[in-house]
């Protein structure tokens, strides 16, 4: 079983196209059907559906579909925990039931809120976001639970997400760009080779604050990394680098390695 799963992970780390990505998802699904009590295949599927939505979907409808699937698979993973499952049956929310989850479910929790953040940002209109603030607040509950279990999860990914949350949250509700900057620094310290941390800092902090030199420094750093060797998986790294090129191009800047 372990060897089979490792082979699929190898395929994932070579998935440099949408076609290959979809094929890997199907392989994980097949593995799950034969090993239904394994947590990892489910959150792997969820994570890759998020990438399909973010990097390979061009319409709002297709993005919605992929992000919803991502959330559903991560929830399936969490439901393998009997105490969590009972809490849900008792009428508690996903976020409030997360207190029953341990380190085995870190990625299911983390990629659950990641898909929801993407859904919030890319699938809601500005007016809809105003009426769906609870989604963001529930995400923060999950971020806090991961912080309790492993603050450095996914190379500082949880710290990075906390930073984005602090930027998105209005100051009157506790949002703070200064605190967000601290969280980004912590994320980069925890995962210095993770492309996502500097990409996100450029996109969500420097672009808003207008710090052009820091913005360019982070994006150029992202593009200088070898996507095969950096933290995060290859398909996500390719997405972050593609996004970085687009962000530079929108300012009339090209990058030559």
C-alpha atoms as a PDB file:
ATOM      1  CA  UNK A   1       0.000   0.000   0.000  1.00  0.00           C
ATOM      2  CA  UNK A   2       2.744   2.426   0.973  1.00  0.00           C
ATOM      3  CA  UNK A   3       4.712   1.825  -2.222  1.00  0.00           C
ATOM      4  CA  UNK A   4       1.615   2.414  -4.337  1.00  0.00           C
ATOM      5  CA  UNK A   5       0.882   5.691  -2.572  1.00  0.00           C
ATOM      6  CA  UNK A   6       4.491   6.835  -2.947  1.00  0.00           C
ATOM      7  CA  UNK A   7       4.277   6.222  -6.690  1.00  0.00           C
ATOM      8  CA  UNK A   8       1.207   8.453  -6.913  1.00  0.00           C
ATOM      9  CA  UNK A   9       3.015  11.164  -4.955  1.00  0.00           C
ATOM     10  CA  UNK A  10       5.863  10.920  -7.441  1.00  0.00           C
ATOM     11  CA  UNK A  11       3.369  11.434 -10.263  1.00  0.00           C
ATOM     12  CA  UNK A  12       1.987  14.449  -8.396  1.00  0.00           C
ATOM     13  CA  UNK A  13       5.433  15.983  -8.107  1.00  0.00           C
ATOM     14  CA  UNK A  14       5.822  15.665 -11.880  1.00  0.00           C
ATOM     15  CA  UNK A  15       2.384  17.047 -12.736  1.00  0.00           C
ATOM     16  CA  UNK A  16       3.300  20.092 -14.811  1.00  0.00           C
ATOM     17  CA  UNK A  17       0.009  20.360 -16.717  1.00  0.00           C
ATOM     18  CA  UNK A  18      -3.721  20.299 -16.069  1.00  0.00           C
ATOM     19  CA  UNK A  19      -4.025  16.935 -17.811  1.00  0.00           C
ATOM     20  CA  UNK A  20      -1.424  15.365 -15.523  1.00  0.00           C
ATOM     21  CA  UNK A  21      -2.997  16.995 -12.477  1.00  0.00           C
ATOM     22  CA  UNK A  22      -6.416  15.534 -13.260  1.00  0.00           C
ATOM     23  CA  UNK A  23      -4.836  12.120 -13.820  1.00  0.00           C
ATOM     24  CA  UNK A  24      -3.172  12.277 -10.394  1.00  0.00           C
ATOM     25  CA  UNK A  25      -6.468  13.193  -8.746  1.00  0.00           C
ATOM     26  CA  UNK A  26      -8.064  10.134 -10.317  1.00  0.00           C
ATOM     27  CA  UNK A  27      -5.229   7.959  -9.048  1.00  0.00           C
ATOM     28  CA  UNK A  28      -5.710   9.267  -5.510  1.00  0.00           C
ATOM     29  CA  UNK A  29      -9.446   8.633  -5.814  1.00  0.00           C
ATOM     30  CA  UNK A  30      -8.820   5.069  -6.904  1.00  0.00           C
ATOM     31  CA  UNK A  31      -6.452   4.559  -3.987  1.00  0.00           C
ATOM     32  CA  UNK A  32      -9.058   5.977  -1.591  1.00  0.00           C
ATOM     33  CA  UNK A  33     -11.724   3.581  -2.867  1.00  0.00           C
ATOM     34  CA  UNK A  34      -9.476   0.662  -1.992  1.00  0.00           C
ATOM     35  CA  UNK A  35      -8.231   2.183   1.289  1.00  0.00           C
ATOM     36  CA  UNK A  36     -11.190   4.241   2.576  1.00  0.00           C
ATOM     37  CA  UNK A  37      -9.831   4.767   6.097  1.00  0.00           C
ATOM     38  CA  UNK A  38      -6.679   6.607   5.010  1.00  0.00           C
ATOM     39  CA  UNK A  39      -6.670  10.337   5.754  1.00  0.00           C
ATOM     40  CA  UNK A  40      -3.885  11.446   3.419  1.00  0.00           C
ATOM     41  CA  UNK A  41      -5.411  10.547   0.015  1.00  0.00           C
ATOM     42  CA  UNK A  42      -8.509  12.587   0.866  1.00  0.00           C
ATOM     43  CA  UNK A  43      -6.718  15.794   1.763  1.00  0.00           C
ATOM     44  CA  UNK A  44      -4.379  15.280  -1.200  1.00  0.00           C
ATOM     45  CA  UNK A  45      -7.420  15.256  -3.477  1.00  0.00           C
ATOM     46  CA  UNK A  46      -8.790  18.336  -1.737  1.00  0.00           C
ATOM     47  CA  UNK A  47      -5.527  20.219  -2.134  1.00  0.00           C
ATOM     48  CA  UNK A  48      -5.286  19.409  -5.842  1.00  0.00           C
ATOM     49  CA  UNK A  49      -8.884  20.441  -6.487  1.00  0.00           C
ATOM     50  CA  UNK A  50      -7.997  23.811  -4.969  1.00  0.00           C
ATOM     51  CA  UNK A  51      -5.111  24.083  -7.420  1.00  0.00           C
ATOM     52  CA  UNK A  52      -7.430  23.141 -10.299  1.00  0.00           C
ATOM     53  CA  UNK A  53      -9.690  25.985  -9.245  1.00  0.00           C
ATOM     54  CA  UNK A  54      -6.943  28.547  -8.737  1.00  0.00           C
ATOM     55  CA  UNK A  55      -4.632  27.710 -11.593  1.00  0.00           C
ATOM     56  CA  UNK A  56      -6.609  25.839 -14.223  1.00  0.00           C
ATOM     57  CA  UNK A  57     -10.174  27.194 -14.134  1.00  0.00           C
ATOM     58  CA  UNK A  58     -11.155  30.244 -16.138  1.00  0.00           C
ATOM     59  CA  UNK A  59     -14.805  30.706 -15.212  1.00  0.00           C
ATOM     60  CA  UNK A  60     -16.434  31.514 -11.909  1.00  0.00           C
ATOM     61  CA  UNK A  61     -18.618  28.446 -12.256  1.00  0.00           C
ATOM     62  CA  UNK A  62     -15.707  26.043 -12.737  1.00  0.00           C
ATOM     63  CA  UNK A  63     -13.804  27.630  -9.869  1.00  0.00           C
ATOM     64  CA  UNK A  64     -16.826  27.179  -7.585  1.00  0.00           C
ATOM     65  CA  UNK A  65     -17.091  23.528  -8.565  1.00  0.00           C
ATOM     66  CA  UNK A  66     -13.440  22.796  -7.859  1.00  0.00           C
ATOM     67  CA  UNK A  67     -13.277  24.697  -4.573  1.00  0.00           C
ATOM     68  CA  UNK A  68     -16.426  22.991  -3.321  1.00  0.00           C
ATOM     69  CA  UNK A  69     -14.942  19.600  -4.157  1.00  0.00           C
ATOM     70  CA  UNK A  70     -11.750  20.584  -2.331  1.00  0.00           C
ATOM     71  CA  UNK A  71     -13.714  21.463   0.794  1.00  0.00           C
ATOM     72  CA  UNK A  72     -15.774  18.271   0.594  1.00  0.00           C
ATOM     73  CA  UNK A  73     -12.758  15.974   0.342  1.00  0.00           C
ATOM     74  CA  UNK A  74     -10.984  17.684   3.233  1.00  0.00           C
ATOM     75  CA  UNK A  75     -14.151  17.311   5.298  1.00  0.00           C
ATOM     76  CA  UNK A  76     -14.279  13.622   4.408  1.00  0.00           C
ATOM     77  CA  UNK A  77     -10.746  13.308   5.745  1.00  0.00           C
ATOM     78  CA  UNK A  78     -11.672  15.006   9.009  1.00  0.00           C
ATOM     79  CA  UNK A  79     -14.763  12.811   9.365  1.00  0.00           C
ATOM     80  CA  UNK A  80     -12.471   9.796   9.740  1.00  0.00           C
ATOM     81  CA  UNK A  81     -11.840  11.019  13.274  1.00  0.00           C
ATOM     82  CA  UNK A  82     -14.661   9.471  15.380  1.00  0.00           C
ATOM     83  CA  UNK A  83     -14.790  12.282  17.970  1.00  0.00           C
ATOM     84  CA  UNK A  84     -14.938  14.927  15.265  1.00  0.00           C
ATOM     85  CA  UNK A  85     -17.636  12.960  13.457  1.00  0.00           C
ATOM     86  CA  UNK A  86     -19.714  12.693  16.623  1.00  0.00           C
ATOM     87  CA  UNK A  87     -19.368  16.417  17.244  1.00  0.00           C
ATOM     88  CA  UNK A  88     -20.737  17.124  13.767  1.00  0.00           C
ATOM     89  CA  UNK A  89     -23.614  14.724  14.384  1.00  0.00           C
ATOM     90  CA  UNK A  90     -24.331  16.594  17.613  1.00  0.00           C
ATOM     91  CA  UNK A  91     -24.904  19.734  15.550  1.00  0.00           C
ATOM     92  CA  UNK A  92     -21.575  21.527  15.936  1.00  0.00           C
ATOM     93  CA  UNK A  93     -19.853  23.263  13.041  1.00  0.00           C
ATOM     94  CA  UNK A  94     -16.738  22.040  11.257  1.00  0.00           C
ATOM     95  CA  UNK A  95     -14.657  24.836  12.780  1.00  0.00           C
ATOM     96  CA  UNK A  96     -15.976  24.306  16.312  1.00  0.00           C
ATOM     97  CA  UNK A  97     -15.413  20.553  16.036  1.00  0.00           C
ATOM     98  CA  UNK A  98     -11.765  20.975  15.059  1.00  0.00           C
ATOM     99  CA  UNK A  99     -10.761  20.814  18.726  1.00  0.00           C
ATOM    100  CA  UNK A 100     -11.167  17.039  18.425  1.00  0.00           C
ATOM    101  CA  UNK A 101      -8.613  16.762  15.612  1.00  0.00           C
ATOM    102  CA  UNK A 102      -4.942  15.986  16.205  1.00  0.00           C
ATOM    103  CA  UNK A 103      -1.736  16.232  14.183  1.00  0.00           C
ATOM    104  CA  UNK A 104      -2.868  13.507  11.777  1.00  0.00           C
ATOM    105  CA  UNK A 105      -5.472  15.922  10.417  1.00  0.00           C
ATOM    106  CA  UNK A 106      -3.352  19.062  10.081  1.00  0.00           C
ATOM    107  CA  UNK A 107      -3.338  19.080   6.285  1.00  0.00           C
ATOM    108  CA  UNK A 108      -7.033  18.259   6.068  1.00  0.00           C
ATOM    109  CA  UNK A 109      -7.713  21.301   8.247  1.00  0.00           C
ATOM    110  CA  UNK A 110      -5.242  23.544   6.471  1.00  0.00           C
ATOM    111  CA  UNK A 111      -6.310  22.755   2.941  1.00  0.00           C
ATOM    112  CA  UNK A 112      -9.971  22.993   4.027  1.00  0.00           C
ATOM    113  CA  UNK A 113      -9.616  26.634   4.962  1.00  0.00           C
ATOM    114  CA  UNK A 114      -7.336  27.273   1.958  1.00  0.00           C
ATOM    115  CA  UNK A 115     -10.074  26.200  -0.457  1.00  0.00           C
ATOM    116  CA  UNK A 116     -12.587  28.339   1.404  1.00  0.00           C
ATOM    117  CA  UNK A 117     -10.317  31.390   1.266  1.00  0.00           C
ATOM    118  CA  UNK A 118      -9.985  30.953  -2.498  1.00  0.00           C
ATOM    119  CA  UNK A 119     -13.752  30.538  -2.801  1.00  0.00           C
ATOM    120  CA  UNK A 120     -14.338  33.685  -0.757  1.00  0.00           C
ATOM    121  CA  UNK A 121     -11.913  35.728  -2.835  1.00  0.00           C
ATOM    122  CA  UNK A 122     -12.667  34.438  -6.327  1.00  0.00           C
ATOM    123  CA  UNK A 123     -16.293  33.289  -6.289  1.00  0.00           C
ATOM    124  CA  UNK A 124     -18.107  35.907  -4.209  1.00  0.00           C
ATOM    125  CA  UNK A 125     -18.851  39.397  -5.461  1.00  0.00           C
ATOM    126  CA  UNK A 126     -17.842  42.308  -3.232  1.00  0.00           C
ATOM    127  CA  UNK A 127     -21.412  42.490  -1.935  1.00  0.00           C
ATOM    128  CA  UNK A 128     -21.517  38.741  -1.269  1.00  0.00           C
ATOM    129  CA  UNK A 129     -18.274  38.934   0.681  1.00  0.00           C
ATOM    130  CA  UNK A 130     -19.865  41.454   3.019  1.00  0.00           C
ATOM    131  CA  UNK A 131     -22.609  38.965   3.865  1.00  0.00           C
ATOM    132  CA  UNK A 132     -20.291  35.977   4.203  1.00  0.00           C
ATOM    133  CA  UNK A 133     -17.780  37.245   6.745  1.00  0.00           C
ATOM    134  CA  UNK A 134     -18.581  34.223   8.933  1.00  0.00           C
ATOM    135  CA  UNK A 135     -16.755  32.048   6.414  1.00  0.00           C
ATOM    136  CA  UNK A 136     -13.561  33.983   7.114  1.00  0.00           C
ATOM    137  CA  UNK A 137     -14.143  33.921  10.862  1.00  0.00           C
ATOM    138  CA  UNK A 138     -14.603  30.139  10.820  1.00  0.00           C
ATOM    139  CA  UNK A 139     -11.432  29.833   8.801  1.00  0.00           C
ATOM    140  CA  UNK A 140      -9.599  31.680  11.559  1.00  0.00           C
ATOM    141  CA  UNK A 141     -10.857  29.167  14.121  1.00  0.00           C
ATOM    142  CA  UNK A 142      -9.224  26.455  12.035  1.00  0.00           C
ATOM    143  CA  UNK A 143      -6.030  28.489  11.706  1.00  0.00           C
ATOM    144  CA  UNK A 144      -5.970  28.831  15.486  1.00  0.00           C
ATOM    145  CA  UNK A 145      -6.389  25.084  15.981  1.00  0.00           C
ATOM    146  CA  UNK A 146      -3.477  24.351  13.647  1.00  0.00           C
ATOM    147  CA  UNK A 147      -1.440  26.972  15.505  1.00  0.00           C
ATOM    148  CA  UNK A 148      -2.027  24.991  18.703  1.00  0.00           C
ATOM    149  CA  UNK A 149      -0.923  21.720  17.127  1.00  0.00           C
ATOM    150  CA  UNK A 150       1.946  22.769  14.855  1.00  0.00           C
ATOM    151  CA  UNK A 151       2.616  26.483  14.214  1.00  0.00           C
ATOM    152  CA  UNK A 152       5.120  25.670  11.454  1.00  0.00           C
ATOM    153  CA  UNK A 153       2.742  23.439   9.478  1.00  0.00           C
ATOM    154  CA  UNK A 154       3.427  23.330   5.728  1.00  0.00           C
ATOM    155  CA  UNK A 155       6.561  25.462   5.876  1.00  0.00           C
ATOM    156  CA  UNK A 156       4.866  28.350   7.647  1.00  0.00           C
ATOM    157  CA  UNK A 157       1.698  28.101   5.575  1.00  0.00           C
ATOM    158  CA  UNK A 158      -0.516  28.615   8.600  1.00  0.00           C
ATOM    159  CA  UNK A 159       1.363  31.775   9.585  1.00  0.00           C
ATOM    160  CA  UNK A 160       1.039  33.014   6.011  1.00  0.00           C
ATOM    161  CA  UNK A 161      -2.709  32.365   6.107  1.00  0.00           C
ATOM    162  CA  UNK A 162      -2.988  34.196   9.406  1.00  0.00           C
ATOM    163  CA  UNK A 163      -1.263  37.162   7.766  1.00  0.00           C
ATOM    164  CA  UNK A 164      -3.754  37.149   4.894  1.00  0.00           C
ATOM    165  CA  UNK A 165      -6.608  36.952   7.412  1.00  0.00           C
ATOM    166  CA  UNK A 166      -5.249  39.992   9.300  1.00  0.00           C
ATOM    167  CA  UNK A 167      -5.064  41.946   6.026  1.00  0.00           C
ATOM    168  CA  UNK A 168      -8.581  40.962   4.940  1.00  0.00           C
ATOM    169  CA  UNK A 169     -10.132  41.734   8.330  1.00  0.00           C
ATOM    170  CA  UNK A 170     -11.139  45.400   8.811  1.00  0.00           C
ATOM    171  CA  UNK A 171      -9.092  47.147  11.498  1.00  0.00           C
ATOM    172  CA  UNK A 172     -12.184  47.722  13.642  1.00  0.00           C
ATOM    173  CA  UNK A 173     -12.493  43.934  13.908  1.00  0.00           C
ATOM    174  CA  UNK A 174      -8.820  43.370  14.732  1.00  0.00           C
ATOM    175  CA  UNK A 175      -7.203  43.469  11.307  1.00  0.00           C
ATOM    176  CA  UNK A 176      -3.695  44.859  11.118  1.00  0.00           C
ATOM    177  CA  UNK A 177      -1.187  45.125   8.293  1.00  0.00           C
ATOM    178  CA  UNK A 178       1.628  45.542  10.812  1.00  0.00           C
ATOM    179  CA  UNK A 179       0.722  42.266  12.530  1.00  0.00           C
ATOM    180  CA  UNK A 180       0.350  40.664   9.096  1.00  0.00           C
ATOM    181  CA  UNK A 181       3.900  41.695   8.225  1.00  0.00           C
ATOM    182  CA  UNK A 182       5.145  39.994  11.392  1.00  0.00           C
ATOM    183  CA  UNK A 183       3.278  36.789  10.481  1.00  0.00           C
ATOM    184  CA  UNK A 184       4.751  36.808   6.971  1.00  0.00           C
ATOM    185  CA  UNK A 185       8.237  37.159   8.457  1.00  0.00           C
ATOM    186  CA  UNK A 186       7.516  34.216  10.777  1.00  0.00           C
ATOM    187  CA  UNK A 187       6.242  32.160   7.833  1.00  0.00           C
ATOM    188  CA  UNK A 188       9.390  32.806   5.824  1.00  0.00           C
ATOM    189  CA  UNK A 189      11.492  31.924   8.859  1.00  0.00           C
ATOM    190  CA  UNK A 190       9.629  28.617   9.238  1.00  0.00           C
ATOM    191  CA  UNK A 191       9.779  27.773   5.531  1.00  0.00           C
ATOM    192  CA  UNK A 192      12.602  29.749   3.914  1.00  0.00           C
ATOM    193  CA  UNK A 193      12.460  27.637   0.749  1.00  0.00           C
ATOM    194  CA  UNK A 194       8.680  27.720   0.381  1.00  0.00           C
ATOM    195  CA  UNK A 195       7.784  29.803  -2.655  1.00  0.00           C
ATOM    196  CA  UNK A 196       4.242  30.491  -1.481  1.00  0.00           C
ATOM    197  CA  UNK A 197       5.283  32.671   1.476  1.00  0.00           C
ATOM    198  CA  UNK A 198       7.046  35.359  -0.546  1.00  0.00           C
ATOM    199  CA  UNK A 199       4.539  35.169  -3.385  1.00  0.00           C
ATOM    200  CA  UNK A 200       1.710  35.753  -0.915  1.00  0.00           C
ATOM    201  CA  UNK A 201       3.553  38.578   0.831  1.00  0.00           C
ATOM    202  CA  UNK A 202       3.982  40.372  -2.485  1.00  0.00           C
ATOM    203  CA  UNK A 203       0.391  39.772  -3.572  1.00  0.00           C
ATOM    204  CA  UNK A 204      -1.465  40.438  -0.339  1.00  0.00           C
ATOM    205  CA  UNK A 205       0.766  42.876   1.563  1.00  0.00           C
ATOM    206  CA  UNK A 206       3.255  44.765  -0.597  1.00  0.00           C
ATOM    207  CA  UNK A 207       0.769  45.348  -3.405  1.00  0.00           C
ATOM    208  CA  UNK A 208      -1.700  46.891  -0.947  1.00  0.00           C
ATOM    209  CA  UNK A 209       0.841  48.985   0.958  1.00  0.00           C
ATOM    210  CA  UNK A 210       2.509  50.162  -2.253  1.00  0.00           C
ATOM    211  CA  UNK A 211       5.975  48.971  -1.253  1.00  0.00           C
ATOM    212  CA  UNK A 212       7.233  48.579  -4.815  1.00  0.00           C
ATOM    213  CA  UNK A 213      10.819  47.588  -4.050  1.00  0.00           C
ATOM    214  CA  UNK A 214       9.758  44.861  -1.589  1.00  0.00           C
ATOM    215  CA  UNK A 215       7.079  43.705  -4.035  1.00  0.00           C
ATOM    216  CA  UNK A 216       9.625  43.281  -6.835  1.00  0.00           C
ATOM    217  CA  UNK A 217      12.204  41.699  -4.536  1.00  0.00           C
ATOM    218  CA  UNK A 218       9.765  38.985  -3.435  1.00  0.00           C
ATOM    219  CA  UNK A 219       8.520  38.213  -6.938  1.00  0.00           C
ATOM    220  CA  UNK A 220      12.005  38.084  -8.416  1.00  0.00           C
ATOM    221  CA  UNK A 221      13.015  35.720  -5.593  1.00  0.00           C
ATOM    222  CA  UNK A 222      10.054  33.466  -6.415  1.00  0.00           C
ATOM    223  CA  UNK A 223      11.017  33.315 -10.076  1.00  0.00           C
ATOM    224  CA  UNK A 224      14.654  32.521  -9.338  1.00  0.00           C
ATOM    225  CA  UNK A 225      13.731  29.323  -7.456  1.00  0.00           C
ATOM    226  CA  UNK A 226      13.870  25.849  -8.937  1.00  0.00           C
ATOM    227  CA  UNK A 227      10.220  24.677  -8.773  1.00  0.00           C
ATOM    228  CA  UNK A 228      11.358  21.058  -8.554  1.00  0.00           C
ATOM    229  CA  UNK A 229      13.422  21.656  -5.416  1.00  0.00           C
ATOM    230  CA  UNK A 230      11.589  24.417  -3.536  1.00  0.00           C
ATOM    231  CA  UNK A 231       9.097  23.803  -0.761  1.00  0.00           C
ATOM    232  CA  UNK A 232       5.498  23.070  -1.779  1.00  0.00           C
ATOM    233  CA  UNK A 233       4.833  20.605  -4.580  1.00  0.00           C
ATOM    234  CA  UNK A 234       5.874  21.150  -8.204  1.00  0.00           C
ATOM    235  CA  UNK A 235       2.357  21.883  -9.537  1.00  0.00           C
ATOM    236  CA  UNK A 236       1.774  24.530  -6.857  1.00  0.00           C
ATOM    237  CA  UNK A 237       5.216  26.046  -7.405  1.00  0.00           C
ATOM    238  CA  UNK A 238       4.547  26.360 -11.126  1.00  0.00           C
ATOM    239  CA  UNK A 239       1.288  28.124 -10.305  1.00  0.00           C
ATOM    240  CA  UNK A 240       3.012  30.596  -7.955  1.00  0.00           C
ATOM    241  CA  UNK A 241       5.669  31.335 -10.545  1.00  0.00           C
ATOM    242  CA  UNK A 242       3.106  31.812 -13.308  1.00  0.00           C
ATOM    243  CA  UNK A 243       1.170  34.171 -11.065  1.00  0.00           C
ATOM    244  CA  UNK A 244       4.357  36.074 -10.258  1.00  0.00           C
ATOM    245  CA  UNK A 245       5.121  36.592 -13.954  1.00  0.00           C
ATOM    246  CA  UNK A 246       1.577  37.840 -14.508  1.00  0.00           C
ATOM    247  CA  UNK A 247       1.832  40.221 -11.565  1.00  0.00           C
ATOM    248  CA  UNK A 248       5.040  41.669 -12.979  1.00  0.00           C
ATOM    249  CA  UNK A 249       3.636  41.834 -16.506  1.00  0.00           C
ATOM    250  CA  UNK A 250       0.662  43.841 -15.225  1.00  0.00           C
ATOM    251  CA  UNK A 251       3.217  46.499 -14.293  1.00  0.00           C
ATOM    252  CA  UNK A 252       5.069  46.232 -17.588  1.00  0.00           C
ATOM    253  CA  UNK A 253       7.973  44.317 -16.059  1.00  0.00           C
ATOM    254  CA  UNK A 254       9.497  41.170 -17.515  1.00  0.00           C
ATOM    255  CA  UNK A 255      11.758  38.697 -15.772  1.00  0.00           C
ATOM    256  CA  UNK A 256      14.797  37.081 -17.331  1.00  0.00           C
ATOM    257  CA  UNK A 257      16.370  34.319 -15.257  1.00  0.00           C
END
